[in-house]
Amino acid sequence: MDAWIASYLALFLIVFLVNLTPAFAPPTWSIIVLYGLHTELDLAGVVLAAASASALGRTLLALAFRYLGDRIPQRMRDNLCAAREAFHENRRNGLIAVAVFFVSPLPSAQLFEAAGLAGFRLLPLVTAHFIGRLFTYSFYSYTAHELKESSFGEVIMDNLTSPISLGLQVAT
């Protein structure tokens, strides 16, 4: 297997596992930036691999939470059912939900967990998530590529990989 194929597969797997995690995972953008600083992979390939892996991971996360719905209190299930009906019955509300998944500054794990628990139709939400990630991951990938070409990239890498920096990250 070529080294670049292995690199894309590794990126896909890392991003998939991070997006399958319900909480306490590093943000995907940080993985994209590290890949941009450490590899010579094509920017479009990085963005497509990461966005696809993110969408697949979040879909499986939502499906897993859908099956947890029976284990939550009845009052919460009633609220989730009411939310689902409000979004499915009113097209405007459904469009708002899709827009939230497209541009939300909120962590997407919690959005997909809630969508799974509420039983939302996932295809529109996953599609919006994927398209939104194409835009944001393009920005991060391009920025990392440009930083790599400058001496500022070296400064960032030195700070990201220093024992003090790693210790602070773990502590926070």
Protein backbone atom coordinates (compact mmCIF):
# COMPACT_ATOMS: atom_id res chain seq x y z
CA MET A 1 0.00 0.00 0.00
CA ASP A 2 1.32 3.42 -0.89
CA ALA A 3 2.30 5.69 1.98
CA TRP A 4 -0.16 8.40 0.93
CA ILE A 5 -3.07 5.92 0.88
CA ALA A 6 -2.08 4.77 4.36
CA SER A 7 -1.94 8.42 5.48
CA TYR A 8 -5.44 9.13 4.16
CA LEU A 9 -6.77 5.94 5.77
CA ALA A 10 -5.13 6.82 9.08
CA LEU A 11 -6.64 10.32 8.92
CA PHE A 12 -10.06 8.85 8.11
CA LEU A 13 -9.85 6.37 10.99
CA ILE A 14 -8.67 8.96 13.52
CA VAL A 15 -11.36 11.46 12.57
CA PHE A 16 -14.01 8.72 12.49
CA LEU A 17 -13.12 7.51 16.00
CA VAL A 18 -13.00 11.07 17.37
CA ASN A 19 -16.44 11.80 15.91
CA LEU A 20 -17.82 8.53 17.26
CA THR A 21 -16.83 9.60 20.76
CA PRO A 22 -19.70 11.20 22.71
CA ALA A 23 -17.52 13.53 24.81
CA PHE A 24 -13.98 14.57 25.75
CA ALA A 25 -12.49 14.03 22.30
CA PRO A 26 -10.17 16.54 20.66
CA PRO A 27 -11.76 18.78 18.05
CA THR A 28 -11.40 17.49 14.50
CA TRP A 29 -9.90 20.77 13.34
CA SER A 30 -6.85 20.11 15.54
CA ILE A 31 -6.27 16.78 13.77
CA ILE A 32 -6.58 18.47 10.39
CA VAL A 33 -4.09 21.16 11.41
CA LEU A 34 -1.59 18.55 12.63
CA TYR A 35 -1.96 16.61 9.39
CA GLY A 36 -1.51 19.82 7.43
CA LEU A 37 1.67 20.63 9.33
CA HIS A 38 3.17 17.13 9.21
CA THR A 39 2.21 15.68 5.83
CA GLU A 40 2.30 16.55 2.16
CA LEU A 41 -1.22 15.27 1.53
CA ASP A 42 -3.44 17.07 -0.96
CA LEU A 43 -5.67 19.63 0.76
CA ALA A 44 -8.81 18.46 -1.06
CA GLY A 45 -8.11 14.84 -0.08
CA VAL A 46 -7.63 15.78 3.57
CA VAL A 47 -10.88 17.76 3.59
CA LEU A 48 -12.89 15.01 1.87
CA ALA A 49 -11.48 12.26 4.08
CA ALA A 50 -12.06 14.24 7.28
CA ALA A 51 -15.56 15.44 6.36
CA SER A 52 -16.62 11.93 5.29
CA ALA A 53 -15.21 10.38 8.45
CA SER A 54 -16.86 13.05 10.58
CA ALA A 55 -20.26 12.51 8.96
CA LEU A 56 -20.01 8.72 9.33
CA GLY A 57 -18.87 8.96 12.95
CA ARG A 58 -21.62 11.40 13.90
CA THR A 59 -24.24 9.26 12.13
CA LEU A 60 -23.24 6.18 14.10
CA LEU A 61 -23.14 8.25 17.30
CA ALA A 62 -26.73 9.43 16.69
CA LEU A 63 -27.86 5.88 15.92
CA ALA A 64 -26.26 4.61 19.12
CA PHE A 65 -28.08 7.28 21.13
CA ARG A 66 -31.32 6.41 19.37
CA TYR A 67 -31.09 2.98 21.01
CA LEU A 68 -30.45 4.55 24.40
CA GLY A 69 -33.79 6.36 24.25
CA ASP A 70 -35.56 3.62 26.19
CA ARG A 71 -33.21 4.10 29.13
CA ILE A 72 -33.98 7.75 29.81
CA PRO A 73 -36.83 8.97 32.05
CA GLN A 74 -40.33 9.11 30.55
CA ARG A 75 -40.55 12.89 31.06
CA MET A 76 -37.44 13.43 28.94
CA ARG A 77 -38.74 11.03 26.28
CA ASP A 78 -41.98 13.01 26.12
CA ASN A 79 -40.02 16.26 25.64
CA LEU A 80 -37.89 14.68 22.90
CA CYS A 81 -40.99 13.35 21.18
CA ALA A 82 -42.58 16.81 21.27
CA ALA A 83 -39.40 18.37 19.84
CA ARG A 84 -39.27 15.79 17.04
CA GLU A 85 -42.92 16.40 16.13
CA ALA A 86 -42.43 20.18 16.16
CA PHE A 87 -39.53 19.93 13.72
CA HIS A 88 -41.11 17.31 11.48
CA GLU A 89 -44.53 18.97 11.25
CA ASN A 90 -43.32 22.49 10.51
CA ARG A 91 -41.00 22.78 7.50
CA ARG A 92 -39.54 26.06 8.81
CA ASN A 93 -38.53 24.40 12.07
CA GLY A 94 -36.94 21.56 10.13
CA LEU A 95 -34.92 24.03 8.08
CA ILE A 96 -33.79 25.73 11.28
CA ALA A 97 -32.60 22.37 12.61
CA VAL A 98 -30.66 21.67 9.43
CA ALA A 99 -29.12 25.17 9.55
CA VAL A 100 -28.01 24.58 13.14
CA PHE A 101 -26.18 21.41 12.04
CA PHE A 102 -24.61 23.34 9.15
CA VAL A 103 -23.19 26.35 11.00
CA SER A 104 -23.54 25.71 14.70
CA PRO A 105 -20.70 26.76 16.96
CA LEU A 106 -21.92 24.14 19.42
CA PRO A 107 -20.04 20.85 19.62
CA SER A 108 -21.67 18.57 17.08
CA ALA A 109 -21.45 15.49 19.31
CA GLN A 110 -24.15 16.84 21.60
CA LEU A 111 -26.31 17.89 18.65
CA PHE A 112 -26.15 14.39 17.16
CA GLU A 113 -26.74 12.77 20.54
CA ALA A 114 -29.89 14.86 20.96
CA ALA A 115 -31.00 14.14 17.39
CA GLY A 116 -30.52 10.43 17.99
CA LEU A 117 -32.43 10.48 21.28
CA ALA A 118 -35.24 12.51 19.71
CA GLY A 119 -35.44 10.22 16.68
CA PHE A 120 -34.86 12.97 14.11
CA ARG A 121 -34.41 12.02 10.48
CA LEU A 122 -30.66 11.90 10.19
CA LEU A 123 -30.05 12.24 6.45
CA PRO A 124 -30.77 16.01 6.25
CA LEU A 125 -28.76 16.64 9.42
CA VAL A 126 -25.80 14.54 8.31
CA THR A 127 -25.84 16.15 4.87
CA ALA A 128 -25.79 19.63 6.42
CA HIS A 129 -23.01 18.54 8.79
CA PHE A 130 -20.96 17.15 5.88
CA ILE A 131 -21.35 20.28 3.73
CA GLY A 132 -20.58 22.57 6.65
CA ARG A 133 -17.48 20.53 7.47
CA LEU A 134 -16.29 20.80 3.87
CA PHE A 135 -16.17 24.57 4.35
CA THR A 136 -14.64 24.65 7.82
CA TYR A 137 -12.14 21.87 7.23
CA SER A 138 -11.05 23.58 4.00
CA PHE A 139 -10.25 26.68 6.02
CA TYR A 140 -8.28 24.74 8.64
CA SER A 141 -6.47 22.62 6.08
CA TYR A 142 -5.49 25.61 3.97
CA THR A 143 -4.39 27.58 7.04
CA ALA A 144 -2.23 24.69 8.26
CA HIS A 145 -0.67 24.36 4.81
CA GLU A 146 0.16 28.06 4.74
CA LEU A 147 1.56 27.95 8.29
CA LYS A 148 3.78 25.04 7.31
CA GLU A 149 5.34 27.18 4.63
CA SER A 150 6.23 29.91 7.14
CA SER A 151 8.52 30.02 10.16
CA PHE A 152 5.43 30.66 12.26
CA GLY A 153 4.48 27.03 11.63
CA GLU A 154 7.68 25.93 13.35
CA VAL A 155 6.88 28.12 16.36
CA ILE A 156 3.40 26.59 16.63
CA MET A 157 4.73 23.03 16.29
CA ASP A 158 7.38 23.66 18.95
CA ASN A 159 4.68 24.92 21.30
CA LEU A 160 2.22 22.14 20.49
CA THR A 161 4.76 19.40 21.10
CA SER A 162 6.61 20.80 24.09
CA PRO A 163 6.27 18.88 27.37
CA ILE A 164 5.00 22.01 29.14
CA SER A 165 2.31 22.56 26.49
CA LEU A 166 1.24 18.93 26.58
CA GLY A 167 1.09 19.06 30.39
CA LEU A 168 -1.09 22.17 30.30
CA GLN A 169 -3.42 20.53 27.77
CA VAL A 170 -3.82 17.46 29.98
CA ALA A 171 -4.30 19.59 33.10
CA THR A 172 -7.01 21.72 31.52
